[in-house]
Amino acid sequence: MGNPKISVIIPIYNVEEYIEDTLNSLLNQTIIKDMEILMIDDGWQSDYGVWEFNSKTFPNPKEMIQELHDLGFKVMLWIVP
């Protein structure tokens, strides 16, 4: 039987020093290969910068993410308020 797909939800408010180790630990584990990682930051700070989606640069983000998955990349989508 195959491994089930799971969602790992990581709260990331004020934990900058732990994020890299946490993600590496998840990505390097060998038990479950089919997972998604959701990082939730509910404390957006101006230090992070101002991010605006540019639809001219990325006209079809879903297709772009699928293409990256097909090429073997792991993709993180950061949704901000």
Protein backbone atom coordinates (compact mmCIF):
# COMPACT_ATOMS: atom_id res chain seq x y z
CA MET A 1 0.00 0.00 0.00
CA GLY A 2 1.30 3.49 -0.88
CA ASN A 3 1.93 6.24 1.60
CA PRO A 4 -1.02 8.55 2.16
CA LYS A 5 -0.74 12.18 1.20
CA ILE A 6 -0.57 14.35 4.28
CA SER A 7 -0.55 18.05 4.99
CA VAL A 8 2.01 19.38 7.45
CA ILE A 9 0.98 22.75 8.89
CA ILE A 10 3.76 24.83 10.41
CA PRO A 11 3.02 28.07 12.28
CA ILE A 12 5.92 30.42 11.52
CA TYR A 13 5.30 33.62 13.43
CA ASN A 14 8.62 34.87 14.88
CA VAL A 15 10.51 31.59 14.34
CA GLU A 16 12.93 32.66 11.60
CA GLU A 17 15.86 30.88 13.24
CA TYR A 18 14.07 27.48 13.10
CA ILE A 19 12.44 27.50 9.65
CA GLU A 20 15.38 26.15 7.66
CA ASP A 21 16.01 23.23 10.05
CA THR A 22 12.31 22.43 10.21
CA LEU A 23 11.90 22.34 6.43
CA ASN A 24 15.09 20.34 5.93
CA SER A 25 13.91 17.82 8.50
CA LEU A 26 10.58 17.39 6.72
CA LEU A 27 12.05 17.25 3.22
CA ASN A 28 14.78 14.77 4.20
CA GLN A 29 12.57 12.32 6.07
CA THR A 30 12.03 8.98 4.32
CA ILE A 31 8.70 7.70 5.66
CA ILE A 32 6.22 9.85 3.73
CA LYS A 33 7.11 11.14 0.28
CA ASP A 34 3.73 12.48 -0.81
CA MET A 35 3.16 15.50 1.42
CA GLU A 36 2.42 19.16 1.25
CA ILE A 37 3.85 21.68 3.67
CA LEU A 38 1.79 24.70 4.65
CA MET A 39 3.62 27.45 6.51
CA ILE A 40 1.21 29.85 8.20
CA ASP A 41 2.46 33.29 9.24
CA ASP A 42 -0.35 35.30 10.79
CA GLY A 43 1.94 38.08 11.95
CA TRP A 44 3.03 39.77 8.72
CA GLN A 45 5.65 42.41 9.36
CA SER A 46 6.87 45.26 7.21
CA ASP A 47 10.41 43.81 7.59
CA TYR A 48 9.35 41.10 5.13
CA GLY A 49 8.90 43.70 2.40
CA VAL A 50 6.01 44.50 0.11
CA TRP A 51 5.12 41.67 -2.23
CA GLU A 52 2.72 42.18 -5.07
CA PHE A 53 1.69 39.54 -7.58
CA ASN A 54 2.51 40.52 -11.15
CA SER A 55 0.03 38.85 -13.50
CA LYS A 56 2.05 39.96 -16.55
CA THR A 57 5.10 38.05 -15.33
CA PHE A 58 3.05 35.05 -14.16
CA PRO A 59 -0.06 34.84 -16.34
CA ASN A 60 -0.88 31.27 -15.27
CA PRO A 61 0.59 30.51 -11.82
CA LYS A 62 -1.12 27.11 -11.50
CA GLU A 63 0.45 25.96 -14.78
CA MET A 64 3.85 27.32 -13.70
CA ILE A 65 3.71 25.43 -10.39
CA GLN A 66 2.69 22.22 -12.16
CA GLU A 67 5.57 22.59 -14.62
CA LEU A 68 8.01 23.05 -11.73
CA HIS A 69 6.58 19.94 -10.00
CA ASP A 70 6.94 18.00 -13.27
CA LEU A 71 10.61 19.05 -13.38
CA GLY A 72 11.11 17.70 -9.85
CA PHE A 73 11.11 20.95 -7.91
CA LYS A 74 9.45 21.39 -4.55
CA VAL A 75 7.40 24.60 -4.60
CA MET A 76 6.48 26.81 -1.69
CA LEU A 77 3.64 29.26 -2.16
CA TRP A 78 3.61 32.13 0.32
CA ILE A 79 0.26 33.82 0.65
CA VAL A 80 0.33 37.16 2.42
CA PRO A 81 -2.36 39.62 3.49
